[in-house]
Amino acid sequence: MSGRKSARLREDIRRELSNIVEFESRDPIVRDAFPTVMDVRLSVDRRYAKVYVAVAGEVDRGDVERALAQDRGFYRSALAGRLALRYTPELRFVIDETVERSLRLQGLLRDDGVDLVPDREAEAGVDGVEAMSSGPDEGRRDESGS
């Protein structure tokens, strides 16, 4: 299968699973976690899919992962009804902690006083002269060299 077709299939599975997990799940543990399907990775033969799910709030991620694993048959059959695939992939759910890690890292950098936006004074020359001119024609020489 070409790279484009595989990417399109992954995106279709992600979109449909996102709707199923977010809006059709009857498990209270999953519903209370406000799940978001972040990514889907398919095996080469497209028989297995690893589904990365982010959860919001202060919930036990282990409980949510167990609930998703327990209900994966429901999710797989619902997915089979929505997509015309020869084989509906077997689903394996993984809690995605990328968002939490990035927020934690951003908080640590902010606490240390590290500025993520470059400082204009630092971009100026060594002697304090600005590297950029203030106007479009300022700093240009005329063709006579003066």
C-alpha atoms as a PDB file:
ATOM      1  CA  MET A   1       0.000   0.000   0.000  1.00  0.00           C
ATOM      2  CA  SER A   2       1.371   3.407  -0.887  1.00  0.00           C
ATOM      3  CA  GLY A   3       2.270   5.972   1.734  1.00  0.00           C
ATOM      4  CA  ARG A   4      -0.605   8.245   0.781  1.00  0.00           C
ATOM      5  CA  LYS A   5      -3.216   5.509   1.007  1.00  0.00           C
ATOM      6  CA  SER A   6      -1.843   4.339   4.327  1.00  0.00           C
ATOM      7  CA  ALA A   7      -1.876   7.891   5.726  1.00  0.00           C
ATOM      8  CA  ARG A   8      -5.434   8.404   4.510  1.00  0.00           C
ATOM      9  CA  LEU A   9      -6.544   5.123   6.086  1.00  0.00           C
ATOM     10  CA  ARG A  10      -4.874   6.045   9.376  1.00  0.00           C
ATOM     11  CA  GLU A  11      -6.635   9.408   9.348  1.00  0.00           C
ATOM     12  CA  ASP A  12     -10.018   7.800   8.552  1.00  0.00           C
ATOM     13  CA  ILE A  13      -9.594   5.323  11.394  1.00  0.00           C
ATOM     14  CA  ARG A  14      -8.513   8.122  13.755  1.00  0.00           C
ATOM     15  CA  ARG A  15     -11.501  10.293  12.848  1.00  0.00           C
ATOM     16  CA  GLU A  16     -14.068   7.505  13.188  1.00  0.00           C
ATOM     17  CA  LEU A  17     -12.563   6.108  16.386  1.00  0.00           C
ATOM     18  CA  SER A  18     -12.463   9.597  17.815  1.00  0.00           C
ATOM     19  CA  ASN A  19     -16.209   9.958  17.308  1.00  0.00           C
ATOM     20  CA  ILE A  20     -16.909   6.484  18.679  1.00  0.00           C
ATOM     21  CA  VAL A  21     -14.730   6.824  21.789  1.00  0.00           C
ATOM     22  CA  GLU A  22     -15.762  10.391  22.596  1.00  0.00           C
ATOM     23  CA  PHE A  23     -19.489  10.223  21.925  1.00  0.00           C
ATOM     24  CA  GLU A  24     -20.678   6.605  21.876  1.00  0.00           C
ATOM     25  CA  SER A  25     -18.777   5.040  24.754  1.00  0.00           C
ATOM     26  CA  ARG A  26     -21.080   3.933  27.565  1.00  0.00           C
ATOM     27  CA  ASP A  27     -18.334   3.236  30.068  1.00  0.00           C
ATOM     28  CA  PRO A  28     -18.437   5.945  32.774  1.00  0.00           C
ATOM     29  CA  ILE A  29     -14.673   5.727  33.319  1.00  0.00           C
ATOM     30  CA  VAL A  30     -14.024   6.530  29.660  1.00  0.00           C
ATOM     31  CA  ARG A  31     -16.703   9.237  29.477  1.00  0.00           C
ATOM     32  CA  ASP A  32     -15.426  11.016  32.599  1.00  0.00           C
ATOM     33  CA  ALA A  33     -11.883  11.066  31.183  1.00  0.00           C
ATOM     34  CA  PHE A  34     -12.912  13.170  28.139  1.00  0.00           C
ATOM     35  CA  PRO A  35     -10.802  11.053  25.764  1.00  0.00           C
ATOM     36  CA  THR A  36      -9.279  12.404  22.549  1.00  0.00           C
ATOM     37  CA  VAL A  37      -7.816  10.082  19.931  1.00  0.00           C
ATOM     38  CA  MET A  38      -4.503  11.698  19.045  1.00  0.00           C
ATOM     39  CA  ASP A  39      -2.951   9.248  16.598  1.00  0.00           C
ATOM     40  CA  VAL A  40      -3.321   5.804  15.057  1.00  0.00           C
ATOM     41  CA  ARG A  41      -0.391   3.639  13.962  1.00  0.00           C
ATOM     42  CA  LEU A  42      -1.071   0.678  11.687  1.00  0.00           C
ATOM     43  CA  SER A  43       0.988  -2.461  11.242  1.00  0.00           C
ATOM     44  CA  VAL A  44       2.342  -3.136   7.765  1.00  0.00           C
ATOM     45  CA  ASP A  45      -0.399  -5.685   7.050  1.00  0.00           C
ATOM     46  CA  ARG A  46      -3.076  -3.320   8.508  1.00  0.00           C
ATOM     47  CA  ARG A  47      -4.359  -6.019  10.879  1.00  0.00           C
ATOM     48  CA  TYR A  48      -3.278  -4.239  14.061  1.00  0.00           C
ATOM     49  CA  ALA A  49      -3.693  -0.628  15.111  1.00  0.00           C
ATOM     50  CA  LYS A  50      -2.143   1.134  18.059  1.00  0.00           C
ATOM     51  CA  VAL A  51      -4.462   3.960  19.118  1.00  0.00           C
ATOM     52  CA  TYR A  52      -2.989   6.837  21.157  1.00  0.00           C
ATOM     53  CA  VAL A  53      -5.588   8.462  23.412  1.00  0.00           C
ATOM     54  CA  ALA A  54      -5.122  11.584  25.518  1.00  0.00           C
ATOM     55  CA  VAL A  55      -7.282  12.067  28.583  1.00  0.00           C
ATOM     56  CA  ALA A  56      -8.171  15.303  30.331  1.00  0.00           C
ATOM     57  CA  GLY A  57      -8.468  16.021  33.985  1.00  0.00           C
ATOM     58  CA  GLU A  58      -7.307  14.213  37.059  1.00  0.00           C
ATOM     59  CA  VAL A  59      -8.300  10.634  36.277  1.00  0.00           C
ATOM     60  CA  ASP A  60      -6.478   7.401  36.878  1.00  0.00           C
ATOM     61  CA  ARG A  61      -4.865   6.729  33.513  1.00  0.00           C
ATOM     62  CA  GLY A  62      -4.458   3.048  34.318  1.00  0.00           C
ATOM     63  CA  ASP A  63      -8.218   2.685  34.890  1.00  0.00           C
ATOM     64  CA  VAL A  64      -8.957   4.467  31.617  1.00  0.00           C
ATOM     65  CA  GLU A  65      -6.497   2.262  29.714  1.00  0.00           C
ATOM     66  CA  ARG A  66      -8.043  -0.888  31.226  1.00  0.00           C
ATOM     67  CA  ALA A  67     -11.567   0.331  30.381  1.00  0.00           C
ATOM     68  CA  LEU A  68     -10.556   1.054  26.780  1.00  0.00           C
ATOM     69  CA  ALA A  69      -8.939  -2.376  26.484  1.00  0.00           C
ATOM     70  CA  GLN A  70     -12.034  -4.037  27.935  1.00  0.00           C
ATOM     71  CA  ASP A  71     -14.338  -2.251  25.455  1.00  0.00           C
ATOM     72  CA  ARG A  72     -12.106  -2.641  22.398  1.00  0.00           C
ATOM     73  CA  GLY A  73     -14.468  -5.218  20.856  1.00  0.00           C
ATOM     74  CA  PHE A  74     -17.259  -2.632  20.849  1.00  0.00           C
ATOM     75  CA  TYR A  75     -14.963  -0.031  19.296  1.00  0.00           C
ATOM     76  CA  ARG A  76     -13.741  -2.471  16.651  1.00  0.00           C
ATOM     77  CA  SER A  77     -17.256  -3.561  15.622  1.00  0.00           C
ATOM     78  CA  ALA A  78     -18.448   0.065  15.507  1.00  0.00           C
ATOM     79  CA  LEU A  79     -15.441   0.925  13.344  1.00  0.00           C
ATOM     80  CA  ALA A  80     -16.201  -2.020  11.034  1.00  0.00           C
ATOM     81  CA  GLY A  81     -19.694  -0.664  10.507  1.00  0.00           C
ATOM     82  CA  ARG A  82     -18.389   2.750   9.474  1.00  0.00           C
ATOM     83  CA  LEU A  83     -15.438   1.880   7.234  1.00  0.00           C
ATOM     84  CA  ALA A  84     -15.444  -0.463   4.267  1.00  0.00           C
ATOM     85  CA  LEU A  85     -12.340  -2.492   5.040  1.00  0.00           C
ATOM     86  CA  ARG A  86     -11.531  -6.074   4.201  1.00  0.00           C
ATOM     87  CA  TYR A  87     -10.111  -6.542   7.705  1.00  0.00           C
ATOM     88  CA  THR A  88     -10.912  -4.235  10.577  1.00  0.00           C
ATOM     89  CA  PRO A  89      -7.707  -3.889  12.576  1.00  0.00           C
ATOM     90  CA  GLU A  90      -7.400  -5.253  16.088  1.00  0.00           C
ATOM     91  CA  LEU A  91      -7.160  -2.250  18.381  1.00  0.00           C
ATOM     92  CA  ARG A  92      -4.652  -1.643  21.140  1.00  0.00           C
ATOM     93  CA  PHE A  93      -5.159   1.512  23.186  1.00  0.00           C
ATOM     94  CA  VAL A  94      -2.257   3.455  24.693  1.00  0.00           C
ATOM     95  CA  ILE A  95      -2.595   6.540  26.874  1.00  0.00           C
ATOM     96  CA  ASP A  96      -0.768   9.420  25.170  1.00  0.00           C
ATOM     97  CA  GLU A  97       1.011  11.676  27.640  1.00  0.00           C
ATOM     98  CA  THR A  98       2.597  14.015  25.099  1.00  0.00           C
ATOM     99  CA  VAL A  99       0.343  16.954  25.976  1.00  0.00           C
ATOM    100  CA  GLU A 100       0.945  16.590  29.721  1.00  0.00           C
ATOM    101  CA  ARG A 101       4.700  16.342  29.188  1.00  0.00           C
ATOM    102  CA  SER A 102       4.804  19.454  27.018  1.00  0.00           C
ATOM    103  CA  LEU A 103       2.746  21.447  29.542  1.00  0.00           C
ATOM    104  CA  ARG A 104       4.981  20.262  32.382  1.00  0.00           C
ATOM    105  CA  LEU A 105       8.115  21.194  30.406  1.00  0.00           C
ATOM    106  CA  GLN A 106       6.684  24.588  29.542  1.00  0.00           C
ATOM    107  CA  GLY A 107       5.886  25.178  33.219  1.00  0.00           C
ATOM    108  CA  LEU A 108       9.419  24.214  34.246  1.00  0.00           C
ATOM    109  CA  LEU A 109      10.925  26.576  31.707  1.00  0.00           C
ATOM    110  CA  ARG A 110       8.622  29.363  32.814  1.00  0.00           C
ATOM    111  CA  ASP A 111       9.534  28.776  36.482  1.00  0.00           C
ATOM    112  CA  ASP A 112      13.241  29.000  35.652  1.00  0.00           C
ATOM    113  CA  GLY A 113      12.709  32.347  33.981  1.00  0.00           C
ATOM    114  CA  VAL A 114      13.779  31.083  30.572  1.00  0.00           C
ATOM    115  CA  ASP A 115      12.228  33.236  27.858  1.00  0.00           C
ATOM    116  CA  LEU A 116      11.182  31.222  24.826  1.00  0.00           C
ATOM    117  CA  VAL A 117      10.763  34.355  22.679  1.00  0.00           C
ATOM    118  CA  PRO A 118      14.064  35.753  21.346  1.00  0.00           C
ATOM    119  CA  ASP A 119      15.067  39.120  22.714  1.00  0.00           C
ATOM    120  CA  ARG A 120      15.487  41.927  20.148  1.00  0.00           C
ATOM    121  CA  GLU A 121      18.374  43.434  22.112  1.00  0.00           C
ATOM    122  CA  ALA A 122      20.230  40.140  21.922  1.00  0.00           C
ATOM    123  CA  GLU A 123      19.778  40.164  18.164  1.00  0.00           C
ATOM    124  CA  ALA A 124      21.325  43.650  17.965  1.00  0.00           C
ATOM    125  CA  GLY A 125      24.989  44.010  17.211  1.00  0.00           C
ATOM    126  CA  VAL A 126      27.710  43.616  19.821  1.00  0.00           C
ATOM    127  CA  ASP A 127      28.050  47.371  20.262  1.00  0.00           C
ATOM    128  CA  GLY A 128      24.298  47.824  20.784  1.00  0.00           C
ATOM    129  CA  VAL A 129      23.515  49.042  17.277  1.00  0.00           C
ATOM    130  CA  GLU A 130      20.326  47.468  15.932  1.00  0.00           C
ATOM    131  CA  ALA A 131      20.873  44.929  13.200  1.00  0.00           C
ATOM    132  CA  MET A 132      17.649  45.804  11.433  1.00  0.00           C
ATOM    133  CA  SER A 133      16.745  49.216  10.042  1.00  0.00           C
ATOM    134  CA  SER A 134      13.532  50.904  11.120  1.00  0.00           C
ATOM    135  CA  GLY A 135      12.359  51.814   7.616  1.00  0.00           C
ATOM    136  CA  PRO A 136      12.503  50.266   4.178  1.00  0.00           C
ATOM    137  CA  ASP A 137      14.892  52.867   2.746  1.00  0.00           C
ATOM    138  CA  GLU A 138      16.834  53.747   5.868  1.00  0.00           C
ATOM    139  CA  GLY A 139      20.454  52.640   5.789  1.00  0.00           C
ATOM    140  CA  ARG A 140      20.574  52.284   2.019  1.00  0.00           C
ATOM    141  CA  ARG A 141      23.224  54.049   0.036  1.00  0.00           C
ATOM    142  CA  ASP A 142      22.506  55.708  -3.218  1.00  0.00           C
ATOM    143  CA  GLU A 143      24.281  54.428  -6.287  1.00  0.00           C
ATOM    144  CA  SER A 144      26.908  57.163  -6.160  1.00  0.00           C
ATOM    145  CA  GLY A 145      28.369  55.628  -2.997  1.00  0.00           C
ATOM    146  CA  SER A 146      27.676  58.561  -0.665  1.00  0.00           C
END
